[in-house]
Structures are given as C-alpha cells and as structure tokens.
Amino acid sequence: TSSDFTNAVTAGATDEFARAGIPIAVKTDAQFDAARQRSDIETALAAKPNVILALPLDPVTSAEAFRQAVKDGVKLVFLSNLPKDYKQGTDYASIVTDDLYQMGKQAADAMAKAIGGKGKVGYIFHDANYYVTNQRDQSFKKTIEKDYPDIKIVAEQGISDPARAEELANAM
C-alpha cells in the first residue's frame, strides 16, 4: 500500500537493485486490498521473477495468495508481516521489519507530552489481525496505562475501514 514508509522501502529497494544491476520485472500497489494483492502476485508470477518482495496484507489470505510463488520456487522476502504458517527457509527467504513496539511507545510518549502528562483520551486502534498495527497499537496502550497514571483512556474503538476514522472520532 502507498504510504511514506512503503514508498521509502520501495525507493531503497529500487536503488539497491539498480546498483546491483538487477532488473525489476513488476511493481504493484494493492492499495491495502487482499484480493488485489492476490491478482498482483499472479501478474508478477507471469513475469517469472526470481524474487518477490512484498508486504503481506492479511496472514490467512496472503498464505494462499503466495502459495503458487512458493510452488514455483520464487524466493519470497516479506516486509513486516508473514503469511500464516509460513516457515523461514522453506516458504520464504527472509522478513525485514522495523521496531513496532518502539513506534507505539514513541506515539504514546509524544501524545502524553502534548497534553502535559494528564487528561482523558480516546483510543482508536486497527481492528484486524495485522501484526504491524497490532504491535504498535498494543504498545501505545500499554505505555499509556503503565507510564502515565494521570492519563485515562476513556473511549476505545476498533477500526477496520480507514474511511470511517472521522466518523468514529466524532462519535467519541
């Protein structure tokens, strides 16, 4: 999906492949749509790549979506998430990620500083089985509860559709 983070990862990978003289056969953006990601994988496989770099969107859907690549012997390198039950060395070559715990902690610390270390807050979290956001969200909440006794989470709401964020915030 397009974001500053994934755009930076894509730019870095593109630069390194160019430096190494490795051509890129296909670039896609599933726009956080698991069905589209599956279609993008099928399109990429038609180009017969040696390696696919990808951010799996959903552990269950992604496991099936990448299965043909595994069968075809394509080396898979994942960013941040793994398809369900995939084994390193058998189903994929490697995974790279960032420090998700620290991202959530830093967000909590920044918010606490912004409100002077006390107050009431609403907490909107990504309501899906998605490792990256689950780790960040849990770290944020844990940091607030553990490190900031004068900050109370007074409303919590899960969100699975980013288009509804404003609606949920207004309801809080």
Protein backbone atom coordinates (compact mmCIF):
# COMPACT_ATOMS: atom_id res chain seq x y z
CA THR A 1 0.00 0.00 0.00
CA SER A 2 1.14 3.55 -0.56
CA SER A 3 2.50 5.37 2.46
CA ASP A 4 5.63 7.33 3.25
CA PHE A 5 7.07 4.17 4.82
CA THR A 6 6.35 1.80 1.93
CA ASN A 7 7.37 4.44 -0.61
CA ALA A 8 10.72 4.77 1.17
CA VAL A 9 11.16 0.99 1.28
CA THR A 10 10.32 0.76 -2.43
CA ALA A 11 12.75 3.56 -3.30
CA GLY A 12 15.52 1.93 -1.28
CA ALA A 13 14.95 -1.50 -2.82
CA THR A 14 14.75 0.01 -6.31
CA ASP A 15 18.02 1.89 -5.79
CA GLU A 16 19.81 -1.20 -4.47
CA PHE A 17 18.58 -3.37 -7.32
CA ALA A 18 19.73 -0.74 -9.83
CA ARG A 19 23.14 -0.50 -8.12
CA ALA A 20 23.46 -4.29 -8.33
CA GLY A 21 22.31 -4.36 -11.95
CA ILE A 22 19.20 -6.40 -11.15
CA PRO A 23 16.16 -5.54 -13.30
CA ILE A 24 12.74 -5.15 -11.70
CA ALA A 25 10.12 -7.05 -13.70
CA VAL A 26 6.96 -5.79 -11.96
CA LYS A 27 5.97 -3.17 -9.35
CA THR A 28 2.47 -3.17 -7.90
CA ASP A 29 0.42 -1.44 -5.23
CA ALA A 30 -2.53 -3.46 -3.91
CA GLN A 31 -3.84 -0.38 -2.06
CA PHE A 32 -4.40 -2.49 1.06
CA ASP A 33 -6.79 -4.79 -0.80
CA ALA A 34 -6.07 -8.50 -0.28
CA ALA A 35 -7.93 -9.56 -3.44
CA ARG A 36 -5.98 -7.06 -5.48
CA GLN A 37 -2.74 -8.28 -3.89
CA ARG A 38 -3.55 -11.81 -4.99
CA SER A 39 -4.14 -10.59 -8.55
CA ASP A 40 -0.89 -8.59 -8.42
CA ILE A 41 1.00 -11.72 -7.34
CA GLU A 42 -0.47 -13.68 -10.26
CA THR A 43 0.59 -10.86 -12.61
CA ALA A 44 4.08 -10.84 -11.13
CA LEU A 45 4.42 -14.62 -11.47
CA ALA A 46 3.65 -14.35 -15.18
CA ALA A 47 6.92 -12.37 -15.48
CA LYS A 48 8.79 -15.37 -13.96
CA PRO A 49 10.68 -13.46 -11.24
CA ASN A 50 13.46 -14.98 -9.15
CA VAL A 51 12.42 -12.96 -6.09
CA ILE A 52 9.28 -11.22 -4.87
CA LEU A 53 9.47 -8.52 -2.21
CA ALA A 54 6.08 -7.92 -0.61
CA LEU A 55 4.15 -6.71 2.40
CA PRO A 56 1.53 -9.42 3.05
CA LEU A 57 -1.77 -7.73 3.84
CA ASP A 58 -3.57 -10.47 5.75
CA PRO A 59 -1.98 -13.59 7.26
CA VAL A 60 -4.66 -16.01 6.01
CA THR A 61 -5.38 -14.52 2.59
CA SER A 62 -1.70 -13.91 1.94
CA ALA A 63 -0.81 -17.52 2.76
CA GLU A 64 -2.94 -18.69 -0.15
CA ALA A 65 -2.00 -15.78 -2.41
CA PHE A 66 1.74 -16.53 -2.22
CA ARG A 67 1.35 -20.34 -2.38
CA GLN A 68 1.94 -20.51 -6.15
CA ALA A 69 5.12 -18.46 -5.80
CA VAL A 70 6.36 -20.96 -3.21
CA LYS A 71 5.49 -23.87 -5.55
CA ASP A 72 7.30 -22.11 -8.42
CA GLY A 73 10.46 -21.75 -6.33
CA VAL A 74 10.34 -17.95 -6.24
CA LYS A 75 12.28 -16.57 -3.29
CA LEU A 76 9.97 -14.51 -1.09
CA VAL A 77 11.15 -11.63 1.08
CA PHE A 78 8.45 -10.13 3.27
CA LEU A 79 8.15 -6.73 4.88
CA SER A 80 6.76 -6.67 8.43
CA ASN A 81 4.14 -9.45 8.15
CA LEU A 82 4.21 -13.18 7.47
CA PRO A 83 1.57 -15.32 5.82
CA LYS A 84 0.02 -17.78 8.28
CA ASP A 85 2.07 -20.93 8.92
CA TYR A 86 4.89 -19.96 6.52
CA LYS A 87 8.27 -21.32 7.60
CA GLN A 88 11.52 -19.45 7.06
CA GLY A 89 13.85 -21.31 4.72
CA THR A 90 11.03 -23.42 3.29
CA ASP A 91 8.28 -20.99 2.30
CA TYR A 92 10.15 -17.69 2.39
CA ALA A 93 13.74 -16.46 2.40
CA SER A 94 13.57 -13.59 4.87
CA ILE A 95 11.48 -10.96 6.62
CA VAL A 96 12.51 -7.39 7.35
CA THR A 97 10.70 -5.03 9.66
CA ASP A 98 11.06 -2.05 11.95
CA ASP A 99 10.73 -1.71 15.71
CA LEU A 100 6.95 -1.78 16.02
CA TYR A 101 6.96 -1.70 19.82
CA GLN A 102 9.02 1.49 19.85
CA MET A 103 6.74 3.09 17.26
CA GLY A 104 3.75 2.63 19.58
CA LYS A 105 5.71 3.71 22.64
CA GLN A 106 7.02 6.83 20.92
CA ALA A 107 3.49 7.74 19.79
CA ALA A 108 2.25 7.39 23.39
CA ASP A 109 5.15 9.44 24.76
CA ALA A 110 4.57 12.18 22.17
CA MET A 111 0.85 12.34 22.91
CA ALA A 112 1.48 12.38 26.68
CA LYS A 113 3.93 15.25 26.24
CA ALA A 114 1.46 17.14 24.04
CA ILE A 115 -1.25 17.01 26.73
CA GLY A 116 1.06 17.69 29.67
CA GLY A 117 1.07 14.13 31.03
CA LYS A 118 -2.55 14.18 32.18
CA GLY A 119 -6.03 14.06 30.73
CA LYS A 120 -8.63 11.87 29.10
CA VAL A 121 -8.03 10.33 25.68
CA GLY A 122 -9.85 8.32 23.08
CA TYR A 123 -8.06 5.35 21.57
CA ILE A 124 -8.78 4.23 18.01
CA PHE A 125 -6.96 1.05 17.03
CA HIS A 126 -6.75 -1.07 13.88
CA ASP A 127 -9.34 -3.79 14.42
CA ALA A 128 -7.84 -6.54 12.28
CA ASN A 129 -5.41 -9.42 12.60
CA TYR A 130 -2.49 -7.41 11.22
CA TYR A 131 0.82 -7.85 13.04
CA VAL A 132 2.28 -4.42 12.30
CA THR A 133 -0.60 -2.35 13.58
CA ASN A 134 -1.46 -4.79 16.37
CA GLN A 135 2.05 -4.45 17.81
CA ARG A 136 2.05 -0.65 17.55
CA ASP A 137 -1.47 -0.31 18.96
CA GLN A 138 -0.79 -2.62 21.91
CA SER A 139 2.47 -0.84 22.69
CA PHE A 140 0.73 2.55 22.63
CA LYS A 141 -2.00 1.41 25.01
CA LYS A 142 0.40 -0.43 27.32
CA THR A 143 2.69 2.63 27.53
CA ILE A 144 -0.19 4.96 28.40
CA GLU A 145 -1.52 2.57 31.06
CA LYS A 146 1.90 1.78 32.58
CA ASP A 147 3.85 5.04 32.29
CA TYR A 148 1.18 7.73 32.52
CA PRO A 149 -1.13 7.19 35.51
CA ASP A 150 -2.71 10.64 35.05
CA ILE A 151 -3.86 9.83 31.52
CA LYS A 152 -7.02 7.77 31.24
CA ILE A 153 -8.27 6.07 28.11
CA VAL A 154 -11.98 6.87 28.39
CA ALA A 155 -13.13 5.64 24.97
CA GLU A 156 -11.86 2.84 22.71
CA GLN A 157 -12.95 1.96 19.22
CA GLY A 158 -11.58 -0.51 16.70
CA ILE A 159 -11.48 0.49 13.06
CA SER A 160 -11.07 -1.69 10.00
CA ASP A 161 -12.03 0.86 7.34
CA PRO A 162 -9.85 3.99 7.35
CA ALA A 163 -12.59 5.90 5.53
CA ARG A 164 -14.61 5.71 8.77
CA ALA A 165 -11.93 7.25 11.03
CA GLU A 166 -13.52 10.70 11.14
CA GLU A 167 -16.95 9.22 11.83
CA LEU A 168 -15.60 7.14 14.74
CA ALA A 169 -13.63 10.05 16.18
CA ASN A 170 -16.71 12.29 16.01
CA ALA A 171 -18.79 9.62 17.77
CA MET A 172 -16.26 9.54 20.61
